[in-house]
């Protein structure tokens, strides 16, 4: 190890293991070419059903209530009963104070309870609050937790704080999967997105996720491309696959197919079949069901 390496933090040393020679314009060109060249072969009934199985049906509104969340859960139950031939949704994703009502009323086989935790959506609170909120969500029935990277600390190059917080929140999850939201729209550049992805994976994330959906620039194909490439490189180094979740602004079946194309081409079909690809959405599920059934449907 030379002197410069010795002066680097362990996180900067981790960055050095990855390709960080990224140009934003080139990334955009590459991902749009990849999608244009391949998306037509994925516009199939089989892929639409696969996409339905990736959906985390999400309600994260200021107007959410026990009654509205219960109604959403009951609609998921009814859909499962009415369409046993279709794959189940991946999760219902709610604020942590609704974990209990969803877990107690959810009857649809295969659907899990996901909660946003850790001071969602800004991650601007005490670490003690972040971990307590996570532990309470798990206690109340959350099967998975989604937290937000401390973006302010990350952009200040305070990688240790970012990683330590992820590690502590992961510990509070017990054995439940943790998704770390990078908030890629706030990170701005491909290099920052990749660094954040690397940091989150090394700190213990089970999934990395694009966005909260609460800021103007949410999920983009460019961010997905960079994150999936980071996942592939991490797998090549460690033998461990980390999940990928696209969330924020994915509103149409065509957009979902585009994201599917990126994941499938970079990480493969088995990756998707293992449940490692997710889409967080409040609107897409009804459109997918309509396209699968060939008729207008609004089960959710």
C-alpha atoms as a PDB file:
ATOM      1  CA  UNK A   1       0.000   0.000   0.000  1.00  0.00           C
ATOM      2  CA  UNK A   2       1.496   3.329  -0.976  1.00  0.00           C
ATOM      3  CA  UNK A   3       1.268   6.460   1.103  1.00  0.00           C
ATOM      4  CA  UNK A   4      -1.724   7.837  -0.776  1.00  0.00           C
ATOM      5  CA  UNK A   5      -3.644   4.578  -0.273  1.00  0.00           C
ATOM      6  CA  UNK A   6      -2.827   4.629   3.444  1.00  0.00           C
ATOM      7  CA  UNK A   7      -4.377   8.088   3.737  1.00  0.00           C
ATOM      8  CA  UNK A   8      -7.641   6.981   2.104  1.00  0.00           C
ATOM      9  CA  UNK A   9     -10.622   5.956   4.189  1.00  0.00           C
ATOM     10  CA  UNK A  10     -11.877   2.405   3.833  1.00  0.00           C
ATOM     11  CA  UNK A  11     -14.801   3.755   1.813  1.00  0.00           C
ATOM     12  CA  UNK A  12     -12.521   5.535  -0.647  1.00  0.00           C
ATOM     13  CA  UNK A  13     -10.511   2.336  -0.917  1.00  0.00           C
ATOM     14  CA  UNK A  14     -13.762   0.528  -1.767  1.00  0.00           C
ATOM     15  CA  UNK A  15     -14.507   3.093  -4.487  1.00  0.00           C
ATOM     16  CA  UNK A  16     -11.132   2.310  -6.048  1.00  0.00           C
ATOM     17  CA  UNK A  17     -12.302  -1.247  -6.754  1.00  0.00           C
ATOM     18  CA  UNK A  18     -14.992   0.005  -9.141  1.00  0.00           C
ATOM     19  CA  UNK A  19     -15.059   1.762 -12.476  1.00  0.00           C
ATOM     20  CA  UNK A  20     -15.745   5.395 -11.653  1.00  0.00           C
ATOM     21  CA  UNK A  21     -14.654   6.799 -14.997  1.00  0.00           C
ATOM     22  CA  UNK A  22     -18.168   7.896 -15.857  1.00  0.00           C
ATOM     23  CA  UNK A  23     -19.393  10.665 -18.114  1.00  0.00           C
ATOM     24  CA  UNK A  24     -23.036  11.655 -17.698  1.00  0.00           C
ATOM     25  CA  UNK A  25     -23.639  12.178 -21.416  1.00  0.00           C
ATOM     26  CA  UNK A  26     -22.067   8.831 -22.278  1.00  0.00           C
ATOM     27  CA  UNK A  27     -24.133   7.049 -19.634  1.00  0.00           C
ATOM     28  CA  UNK A  28     -27.297   8.544 -21.089  1.00  0.00           C
ATOM     29  CA  UNK A  29     -26.327   7.512 -24.613  1.00  0.00           C
ATOM     30  CA  UNK A  30     -25.423   3.987 -23.511  1.00  0.00           C
ATOM     31  CA  UNK A  31     -28.588   3.298 -21.555  1.00  0.00           C
ATOM     32  CA  UNK A  32     -30.944   4.676 -24.193  1.00  0.00           C
ATOM     33  CA  UNK A  33     -29.194   2.602 -26.855  1.00  0.00           C
ATOM     34  CA  UNK A  34     -29.440  -0.495 -24.663  1.00  0.00           C
ATOM     35  CA  UNK A  35     -33.168   0.081 -24.183  1.00  0.00           C
ATOM     36  CA  UNK A  36     -33.821   0.911 -27.859  1.00  0.00           C
ATOM     37  CA  UNK A  37     -31.972  -2.209 -29.008  1.00  0.00           C
ATOM     38  CA  UNK A  38     -33.640  -4.618 -26.601  1.00  0.00           C
ATOM     39  CA  UNK A  39     -36.993  -3.427 -25.248  1.00  0.00           C
ATOM     40  CA  UNK A  40     -39.110  -4.925 -28.069  1.00  0.00           C
ATOM     41  CA  UNK A  41     -38.220  -8.479 -27.047  1.00  0.00           C
ATOM     42  CA  UNK A  42     -39.479  -7.816 -23.519  1.00  0.00           C
ATOM     43  CA  UNK A  43     -42.875  -6.396 -24.471  1.00  0.00           C
ATOM     44  CA  UNK A  44     -44.537  -9.772 -23.900  1.00  0.00           C
ATOM     45  CA  UNK A  45     -47.334 -11.195 -21.710  1.00  0.00           C
ATOM     46  CA  UNK A  46     -44.758 -13.164 -19.710  1.00  0.00           C
ATOM     47  CA  UNK A  47     -42.758 -10.042 -18.907  1.00  0.00           C
ATOM     48  CA  UNK A  48     -45.896  -8.119 -17.936  1.00  0.00           C
ATOM     49  CA  UNK A  49     -46.648 -10.829 -15.373  1.00  0.00           C
ATOM     50  CA  UNK A  50     -43.061 -10.690 -14.139  1.00  0.00           C
ATOM     51  CA  UNK A  51     -43.416  -6.934 -13.774  1.00  0.00           C
ATOM     52  CA  UNK A  52     -46.599  -7.362 -11.735  1.00  0.00           C
ATOM     53  CA  UNK A  53     -44.648  -9.570  -9.320  1.00  0.00           C
ATOM     54  CA  UNK A  54     -42.060  -6.789  -8.845  1.00  0.00           C
ATOM     55  CA  UNK A  55     -44.583  -4.146  -7.792  1.00  0.00           C
ATOM     56  CA  UNK A  56     -44.420  -2.653  -4.322  1.00  0.00           C
ATOM     57  CA  UNK A  57     -47.863  -1.079  -4.132  1.00  0.00           C
ATOM     58  CA  UNK A  58     -47.123   2.156  -2.325  1.00  0.00           C
ATOM     59  CA  UNK A  59     -49.128   4.725  -0.425  1.00  0.00           C
ATOM     60  CA  UNK A  60     -47.059   7.460   1.197  1.00  0.00           C
ATOM     61  CA  UNK A  61     -49.453  10.387   1.343  1.00  0.00           C
ATOM     62  CA  UNK A  62     -50.000  12.978   4.021  1.00  0.00           C
ATOM     63  CA  UNK A  63     -53.668  11.953   3.937  1.00  0.00           C
ATOM     64  CA  UNK A  64     -53.039   8.260   4.651  1.00  0.00           C
ATOM     65  CA  UNK A  65     -55.141   6.921   7.514  1.00  0.00           C
ATOM     66  CA  UNK A  66     -55.898   3.627   9.187  1.00  0.00           C
ATOM     67  CA  UNK A  67     -59.052   3.430   7.089  1.00  0.00           C
ATOM     68  CA  UNK A  68     -57.429   4.202   3.733  1.00  0.00           C
ATOM     69  CA  UNK A  69     -54.533   1.803   4.311  1.00  0.00           C
ATOM     70  CA  UNK A  70     -56.943  -0.935   5.413  1.00  0.00           C
ATOM     71  CA  UNK A  71     -58.997  -0.400   2.255  1.00  0.00           C
ATOM     72  CA  UNK A  72     -55.876  -0.718   0.098  1.00  0.00           C
ATOM     73  CA  UNK A  73     -54.893  -3.922   1.875  1.00  0.00           C
ATOM     74  CA  UNK A  74     -58.372  -5.360   1.404  1.00  0.00           C
ATOM     75  CA  UNK A  75     -58.207  -4.575  -2.316  1.00  0.00           C
ATOM     76  CA  UNK A  76     -54.960  -6.530  -2.533  1.00  0.00           C
ATOM     77  CA  UNK A  77     -56.646  -9.437  -0.730  1.00  0.00           C
ATOM     78  CA  UNK A  78     -59.625  -9.313  -3.099  1.00  0.00           C
ATOM     79  CA  UNK A  79     -57.372  -9.188  -6.155  1.00  0.00           C
ATOM     80  CA  UNK A  80     -55.455 -12.237  -4.963  1.00  0.00           C
ATOM     81  CA  UNK A  81     -58.680 -14.176  -4.448  1.00  0.00           C
ATOM     82  CA  UNK A  82     -60.073 -13.139  -7.832  1.00  0.00           C
ATOM     83  CA  UNK A  83     -56.889 -13.858  -9.819  1.00  0.00           C
ATOM     84  CA  UNK A  84     -55.061 -16.864  -8.345  1.00  0.00           C
ATOM     85  CA  UNK A  85     -53.518 -17.440 -11.777  1.00  0.00           C
ATOM     86  CA  UNK A  86     -51.608 -14.135 -11.631  1.00  0.00           C
ATOM     87  CA  UNK A  87     -48.439 -13.611  -9.572  1.00  0.00           C
ATOM     88  CA  UNK A  88     -48.806 -11.752  -6.279  1.00  0.00           C
ATOM     89  CA  UNK A  89     -47.511  -8.234  -5.821  1.00  0.00           C
ATOM     90  CA  UNK A  90     -44.175  -8.024  -4.036  1.00  0.00           C
ATOM     91  CA  UNK A  91     -45.256  -5.802  -1.142  1.00  0.00           C
ATOM     92  CA  UNK A  92     -47.590  -3.181   0.181  1.00  0.00           C
ATOM     93  CA  UNK A  93     -45.332  -0.254   1.139  1.00  0.00           C
ATOM     94  CA  UNK A  94     -46.529   2.163   3.832  1.00  0.00           C
ATOM     95  CA  UNK A  95     -45.379   4.493   6.574  1.00  0.00           C
ATOM     96  CA  UNK A  96     -44.210   2.605   9.689  1.00  0.00           C
ATOM     97  CA  UNK A  97     -47.213   3.543  11.796  1.00  0.00           C
ATOM     98  CA  UNK A  98     -49.348   1.463   9.411  1.00  0.00           C
ATOM     99  CA  UNK A  99     -47.242  -1.706   9.596  1.00  0.00           C
ATOM    100  CA  UNK A 100     -49.500  -3.296  12.171  1.00  0.00           C
ATOM    101  CA  UNK A 101     -52.789  -2.787  10.349  1.00  0.00           C
ATOM    102  CA  UNK A 102     -51.342  -4.088   7.072  1.00  0.00           C
ATOM    103  CA  UNK A 103     -49.662  -7.103   8.672  1.00  0.00           C
ATOM    104  CA  UNK A 104     -52.817  -8.006  10.602  1.00  0.00           C
ATOM    105  CA  UNK A 105     -55.197  -7.634   7.643  1.00  0.00           C
ATOM    106  CA  UNK A 106     -53.040  -8.836   4.733  1.00  0.00           C
ATOM    107  CA  UNK A 107     -54.180 -12.275   3.579  1.00  0.00           C
ATOM    108  CA  UNK A 108     -52.845 -12.394   0.004  1.00  0.00           C
ATOM    109  CA  UNK A 109     -50.282 -15.170  -0.278  1.00  0.00           C
ATOM    110  CA  UNK A 110     -46.784 -14.037  -1.161  1.00  0.00           C
ATOM    111  CA  UNK A 111     -47.330 -10.312  -0.521  1.00  0.00           C
ATOM    112  CA  UNK A 112     -45.083  -8.782   2.126  1.00  0.00           C
ATOM    113  CA  UNK A 113     -45.271  -5.655   4.264  1.00  0.00           C
ATOM    114  CA  UNK A 114     -42.674  -2.954   3.514  1.00  0.00           C
ATOM    115  CA  UNK A 115     -42.199   0.226   5.532  1.00  0.00           C
ATOM    116  CA  UNK A 116     -40.257   3.408   4.921  1.00  0.00           C
ATOM    117  CA  UNK A 117     -38.155   4.172   7.987  1.00  0.00           C
ATOM    118  CA  UNK A 118     -35.282   6.270   9.233  1.00  0.00           C
ATOM    119  CA  UNK A 119     -36.816   9.720   8.925  1.00  0.00           C
ATOM    120  CA  UNK A 120     -38.236   9.199   5.445  1.00  0.00           C
ATOM    121  CA  UNK A 121     -38.109  11.038   3.067  1.00  0.00           C
ATOM    122  CA  UNK A 122     -35.294  13.429   4.074  1.00  0.00           C
ATOM    123  CA  UNK A 123     -33.331  11.263   6.540  1.00  0.00           C
ATOM    124  CA  UNK A 124     -32.892  14.446   8.577  1.00  0.00           C
ATOM    125  CA  UNK A 125     -33.310  13.327  12.160  1.00  0.00           C
ATOM    126  CA  UNK A 126     -31.324  11.765  14.988  1.00  0.00           C
ATOM    127  CA  UNK A 127     -29.861   8.317  14.370  1.00  0.00           C
ATOM    128  CA  UNK A 128     -31.574   7.202  17.583  1.00  0.00           C
ATOM    129  CA  UNK A 129     -34.910   8.125  16.033  1.00  0.00           C
ATOM    130  CA  UNK A 130     -34.014   6.330  12.798  1.00  0.00           C
ATOM    131  CA  UNK A 131     -33.156   3.094  14.535  1.00  0.00           C
ATOM    132  CA  UNK A 132     -36.093   3.248  16.955  1.00  0.00           C
ATOM    133  CA  UNK A 133     -38.523   3.828  14.109  1.00  0.00           C
ATOM    134  CA  UNK A 134     -37.048   0.873  12.227  1.00  0.00           C
ATOM    135  CA  UNK A 135     -37.272  -1.433  15.241  1.00  0.00           C
ATOM    136  CA  UNK A 136     -40.877  -0.375  15.898  1.00  0.00           C
ATOM    137  CA  UNK A 137     -41.844  -1.047  12.273  1.00  0.00           C
ATOM    138  CA  UNK A 138     -40.337  -4.531  12.415  1.00  0.00           C
ATOM    139  CA  UNK A 139     -42.030  -5.189  15.762  1.00  0.00           C
ATOM    140  CA  UNK A 140     -45.365  -4.220  14.214  1.00  0.00           C
ATOM    141  CA  UNK A 141     -44.953  -6.600  11.278  1.00  0.00           C
ATOM    142  CA  UNK A 142     -42.755  -5.008   8.620  1.00  0.00           C
ATOM    143  CA  UNK A 143     -41.106  -7.703   6.494  1.00  0.00           C
ATOM    144  CA  UNK A 144     -38.827  -5.203   4.738  1.00  0.00           C
ATOM    145  CA  UNK A 145     -37.623  -1.674   5.462  1.00  0.00           C
ATOM    146  CA  UNK A 146     -36.697   1.210   3.149  1.00  0.00           C
ATOM    147  CA  UNK A 147     -34.454   3.965   4.522  1.00  0.00           C
ATOM    148  CA  UNK A 148     -32.905   7.020   2.875  1.00  0.00           C
ATOM    149  CA  UNK A 149     -29.183   7.627   2.539  1.00  0.00           C
ATOM    150  CA  UNK A 150     -28.002  10.644   4.519  1.00  0.00           C
ATOM    151  CA  UNK A 151     -27.554  12.644   1.320  1.00  0.00           C
ATOM    152  CA  UNK A 152     -26.330  15.798   3.034  1.00  0.00           C
ATOM    153  CA  UNK A 153     -23.528  13.899   4.739  1.00  0.00           C
ATOM    154  CA  UNK A 154     -22.699  12.053   1.532  1.00  0.00           C
ATOM    155  CA  UNK A 155     -22.386  15.251  -0.496  1.00  0.00           C
ATOM    156  CA  UNK A 156     -20.112  16.610   2.249  1.00  0.00           C
ATOM    157  CA  UNK A 157     -17.860  13.545   1.738  1.00  0.00           C
ATOM    158  CA  UNK A 158     -18.770  12.320   5.224  1.00  0.00           C
ATOM    159  CA  UNK A 159     -18.897   8.716   4.115  1.00  0.00           C
ATOM    160  CA  UNK A 160     -18.322   7.359   7.617  1.00  0.00           C
ATOM    161  CA  UNK A 161     -21.539   8.913   8.938  1.00  0.00           C
ATOM    162  CA  UNK A 162     -23.496   7.582   5.954  1.00  0.00           C
ATOM    163  CA  UNK A 163     -22.169   4.060   6.337  1.00  0.00           C
ATOM    164  CA  UNK A 164     -22.492   4.000  10.126  1.00  0.00           C
ATOM    165  CA  UNK A 165     -26.134   5.046   9.903  1.00  0.00           C
ATOM    166  CA  UNK A 166     -26.916   2.334   7.354  1.00  0.00           C
ATOM    167  CA  UNK A 167     -25.178  -0.258   9.541  1.00  0.00           C
ATOM    168  CA  UNK A 168     -27.164   0.806  12.604  1.00  0.00           C
ATOM    169  CA  UNK A 169     -30.485   0.836  10.751  1.00  0.00           C
ATOM    170  CA  UNK A 170     -29.660  -2.574   9.281  1.00  0.00           C
ATOM    171  CA  UNK A 171     -29.004  -3.884  12.785  1.00  0.00           C
ATOM    172  CA  UNK A 172     -32.398  -2.523  13.887  1.00  0.00           C
ATOM    173  CA  UNK A 173     -34.017  -4.477  11.043  1.00  0.00           C
ATOM    174  CA  UNK A 174     -32.920  -7.712  12.706  1.00  0.00           C
ATOM    175  CA  UNK A 175     -33.092 -10.281   9.914  1.00  0.00           C
ATOM    176  CA  UNK A 176     -35.373  -8.228   7.649  1.00  0.00           C
ATOM    177  CA  UNK A 177     -34.103  -6.923   4.282  1.00  0.00           C
ATOM    178  CA  UNK A 178     -33.067  -3.272   4.179  1.00  0.00           C
ATOM    179  CA  UNK A 179     -33.438  -1.159   1.053  1.00  0.00           C
ATOM    180  CA  UNK A 180     -31.316   2.006   0.967  1.00  0.00           C
ATOM    181  CA  UNK A 181     -32.778   4.855  -1.080  1.00  0.00           C
ATOM    182  CA  UNK A 182     -29.997   6.842  -2.742  1.00  0.00           C
ATOM    183  CA  UNK A 183     -32.238   9.760  -3.828  1.00  0.00           C
ATOM    184  CA  UNK A 184     -30.412   9.845  -7.132  1.00  0.00           C
ATOM    185  CA  UNK A 185     -32.030  13.082  -8.272  1.00  0.00           C
ATOM    186  CA  UNK A 186     -30.255  14.900  -5.437  1.00  0.00           C
ATOM    187  CA  UNK A 187     -26.924  13.214  -6.183  1.00  0.00           C
ATOM    188  CA  UNK A 188     -26.933  14.771  -9.672  1.00  0.00           C
ATOM    189  CA  UNK A 189     -24.043  12.925 -11.350  1.00  0.00           C
ATOM    190  CA  UNK A 190     -23.417   9.337 -12.415  1.00  0.00           C
ATOM    191  CA  UNK A 191     -20.215   9.258 -10.365  1.00  0.00           C
ATOM    192  CA  UNK A 192     -22.042  10.316  -7.196  1.00  0.00           C
ATOM    193  CA  UNK A 193     -24.790   7.757  -7.826  1.00  0.00           C
ATOM    194  CA  UNK A 194     -22.249   4.976  -8.241  1.00  0.00           C
ATOM    195  CA  UNK A 195     -20.285   6.021  -5.160  1.00  0.00           C
ATOM    196  CA  UNK A 196     -23.494   6.104  -3.116  1.00  0.00           C
ATOM    197  CA  UNK A 197     -24.464   2.670  -4.424  1.00  0.00           C
ATOM    198  CA  UNK A 198     -21.050   1.247  -3.503  1.00  0.00           C
ATOM    199  CA  UNK A 199     -21.188   2.811  -0.035  1.00  0.00           C
ATOM    200  CA  UNK A 200     -24.690   1.466   0.644  1.00  0.00           C
ATOM    201  CA  UNK A 201     -23.815  -2.052  -0.489  1.00  0.00           C
ATOM    202  CA  UNK A 202     -20.668  -2.247   1.606  1.00  0.00           C
ATOM    203  CA  UNK A 203     -22.559  -0.840   4.609  1.00  0.00           C
ATOM    204  CA  UNK A 204     -25.113  -3.647   4.520  1.00  0.00           C
ATOM    205  CA  UNK A 205     -27.924  -2.743   2.125  1.00  0.00           C
ATOM    206  CA  UNK A 206     -29.851  -5.728   0.800  1.00  0.00           C
ATOM    207  CA  UNK A 207     -31.346  -3.555  -1.958  1.00  0.00           C
ATOM    208  CA  UNK A 208     -30.415  -0.192  -3.369  1.00  0.00           C
ATOM    209  CA  UNK A 209     -33.298   1.992  -4.481  1.00  0.00           C
ATOM    210  CA  UNK A 210     -33.396   5.018  -6.753  1.00  0.00           C
ATOM    211  CA  UNK A 211     -35.691   7.546  -5.146  1.00  0.00           C
ATOM    212  CA  UNK A 212     -38.247   8.554  -2.552  1.00  0.00           C
ATOM    213  CA  UNK A 213     -40.545  10.006  -5.186  1.00  0.00           C
ATOM    214  CA  UNK A 214     -40.664  13.164  -3.092  1.00  0.00           C
ATOM    215  CA  UNK A 215     -38.287  15.334  -5.138  1.00  0.00           C
ATOM    216  CA  UNK A 216     -38.646  16.460  -8.731  1.00  0.00           C
ATOM    217  CA  UNK A 217     -36.106  14.159 -10.397  1.00  0.00           C
ATOM    218  CA  UNK A 218     -36.981  10.625  -9.364  1.00  0.00           C
ATOM    219  CA  UNK A 219     -36.180   7.312 -11.062  1.00  0.00           C
ATOM    220  CA  UNK A 220     -34.304   7.644 -14.358  1.00  0.00           C
ATOM    221  CA  UNK A 221     -32.945   5.064 -16.755  1.00  0.00           C
ATOM    222  CA  UNK A 222     -29.507   6.604 -16.300  1.00  0.00           C
ATOM    223  CA  UNK A 223     -29.616   6.053 -12.538  1.00  0.00           C
ATOM    224  CA  UNK A 224     -30.859   2.500 -13.049  1.00  0.00           C
ATOM    225  CA  UNK A 225     -28.025   1.787 -15.473  1.00  0.00           C
ATOM    226  CA  UNK A 226     -25.370   3.099 -13.086  1.00  0.00           C
ATOM    227  CA  UNK A 227     -26.833   1.290 -10.080  1.00  0.00           C
ATOM    228  CA  UNK A 228     -27.243  -2.034 -11.893  1.00  0.00           C
ATOM    229  CA  UNK A 229     -23.679  -1.774 -13.172  1.00  0.00           C
ATOM    230  CA  UNK A 230     -22.506  -1.180  -9.598  1.00  0.00           C
ATOM    231  CA  UNK A 231     -24.486  -4.226  -8.455  1.00  0.00           C
ATOM    232  CA  UNK A 232     -22.864  -6.342 -11.170  1.00  0.00           C
ATOM    233  CA  UNK A 233     -19.377  -5.148 -10.241  1.00  0.00           C
ATOM    234  CA  UNK A 234     -20.092  -5.745  -6.536  1.00  0.00           C
ATOM    235  CA  UNK A 235     -21.240  -9.278  -7.356  1.00  0.00           C
ATOM    236  CA  UNK A 236     -18.069  -9.917  -9.360  1.00  0.00           C
ATOM    237  CA  UNK A 237     -16.004  -8.803  -6.343  1.00  0.00           C
ATOM    238  CA  UNK A 238     -17.977 -10.450  -3.525  1.00  0.00           C
ATOM    239  CA  UNK A 239     -20.212 -13.153  -5.003  1.00  0.00           C
ATOM    240  CA  UNK A 240     -23.255 -11.443  -3.458  1.00  0.00           C
ATOM    241  CA  UNK A 241     -26.127 -10.018  -5.472  1.00  0.00           C
ATOM    242  CA  UNK A 242     -27.780  -6.892  -4.054  1.00  0.00           C
ATOM    243  CA  UNK A 243     -31.361  -6.132  -5.076  1.00  0.00           C
ATOM    244  CA  UNK A 244     -32.425  -3.125  -7.141  1.00  0.00           C
ATOM    245  CA  UNK A 245     -35.607  -1.092  -6.700  1.00  0.00           C
ATOM    246  CA  UNK A 246     -36.741   1.589  -9.109  1.00  0.00           C
ATOM    247  CA  UNK A 247     -39.196   4.011  -7.526  1.00  0.00           C
ATOM    248  CA  UNK A 248     -40.537   7.466  -8.168  1.00  0.00           C
ATOM    249  CA  UNK A 249     -42.410   8.573 -11.263  1.00  0.00           C
ATOM    250  CA  UNK A 250     -42.798   5.231 -13.064  1.00  0.00           C
ATOM    251  CA  UNK A 251     -46.345   5.664 -14.315  1.00  0.00           C
ATOM    252  CA  UNK A 252     -46.769   3.575 -17.488  1.00  0.00           C
ATOM    253  CA  UNK A 253     -46.267   0.011 -18.609  1.00  0.00           C
ATOM    254  CA  UNK A 254     -43.884   1.226 -21.309  1.00  0.00           C
ATOM    255  CA  UNK A 255     -41.682   2.916 -18.693  1.00  0.00           C
ATOM    256  CA  UNK A 256     -41.719  -0.229 -16.574  1.00  0.00           C
ATOM    257  CA  UNK A 257     -40.587  -2.295 -19.559  1.00  0.00           C
ATOM    258  CA  UNK A 258     -37.730   0.137 -20.109  1.00  0.00           C
ATOM    259  CA  UNK A 259     -36.500  -0.354 -16.538  1.00  0.00           C
ATOM    260  CA  UNK A 260     -36.998  -4.107 -16.861  1.00  0.00           C
ATOM    261  CA  UNK A 261     -34.856  -4.032 -20.010  1.00  0.00           C
ATOM    262  CA  UNK A 262     -31.980  -2.345 -18.167  1.00  0.00           C
ATOM    263  CA  UNK A 263     -32.109  -4.837 -15.298  1.00  0.00           C
ATOM    264  CA  UNK A 264     -32.537  -7.888 -17.533  1.00  0.00           C
ATOM    265  CA  UNK A 265     -29.706  -6.933 -19.883  1.00  0.00           C
ATOM    266  CA  UNK A 266     -27.213  -6.105 -17.128  1.00  0.00           C
ATOM    267  CA  UNK A 267     -28.149  -8.565 -14.380  1.00  0.00           C
ATOM    268  CA  UNK A 268     -30.054 -11.327 -16.150  1.00  0.00           C
ATOM    269  CA  UNK A 269     -33.391 -13.119 -15.963  1.00  0.00           C
ATOM    270  CA  UNK A 270     -32.478 -15.234 -12.922  1.00  0.00           C
ATOM    271  CA  UNK A 271     -31.845 -12.033 -10.964  1.00  0.00           C
ATOM    272  CA  UNK A 272     -35.426 -10.956 -11.634  1.00  0.00           C
ATOM    273  CA  UNK A 273     -36.881 -14.400 -10.919  1.00  0.00           C
ATOM    274  CA  UNK A 274     -35.139 -14.406  -7.532  1.00  0.00           C
ATOM    275  CA  UNK A 275     -37.192 -11.340  -6.550  1.00  0.00           C
ATOM    276  CA  UNK A 276     -34.229  -8.984  -6.604  1.00  0.00           C
ATOM    277  CA  UNK A 277     -35.881  -6.443  -8.917  1.00  0.00           C
ATOM    278  CA  UNK A 278     -38.669  -4.265  -7.524  1.00  0.00           C
ATOM    279  CA  UNK A 279     -40.696  -1.297  -8.716  1.00  0.00           C
ATOM    280  CA  UNK A 280     -42.223   1.062  -6.174  1.00  0.00           C
ATOM    281  CA  UNK A 281     -45.379   2.672  -7.502  1.00  0.00           C
ATOM    282  CA  UNK A 282     -48.842   3.878  -6.629  1.00  0.00           C
ATOM    283  CA  UNK A 283     -50.176   3.923 -10.207  1.00  0.00           C
ATOM    284  CA  UNK A 284     -48.533   1.245 -12.287  1.00  0.00           C
ATOM    285  CA  UNK A 285     -50.220  -1.831 -10.816  1.00  0.00           C
ATOM    286  CA  UNK A 286     -53.653  -1.051 -12.288  1.00  0.00           C
ATOM    287  CA  UNK A 287     -52.138  -0.424 -15.722  1.00  0.00           C
ATOM    288  CA  UNK A 288     -50.223  -3.694 -15.659  1.00  0.00           C
ATOM    289  CA  UNK A 289     -53.331  -5.625 -14.644  1.00  0.00           C
ATOM    290  CA  UNK A 290     -55.311  -3.940 -17.428  1.00  0.00           C
ATOM    291  CA  UNK A 291     -52.666  -4.845 -20.011  1.00  0.00           C
ATOM    292  CA  UNK A 292     -52.419  -8.435 -18.753  1.00  0.00           C
ATOM    293  CA  UNK A 293     -56.197  -8.954 -18.765  1.00  0.00           C
ATOM    294  CA  UNK A 294     -56.777  -7.009 -21.983  1.00  0.00           C
ATOM    295  CA  UNK A 295     -59.471  -4.862 -20.376  1.00  0.00           C
ATOM    296  CA  UNK A 296     -59.703  -1.751 -18.243  1.00  0.00           C
ATOM    297  CA  UNK A 297     -59.203  -2.764 -14.628  1.00  0.00           C
ATOM    298  CA  UNK A 298     -58.646  -0.811 -11.439  1.00  0.00           C
ATOM    299  CA  UNK A 299     -58.349  -3.404  -8.677  1.00  0.00           C
ATOM    300  CA  UNK A 300     -56.191  -1.195  -6.495  1.00  0.00           C
END
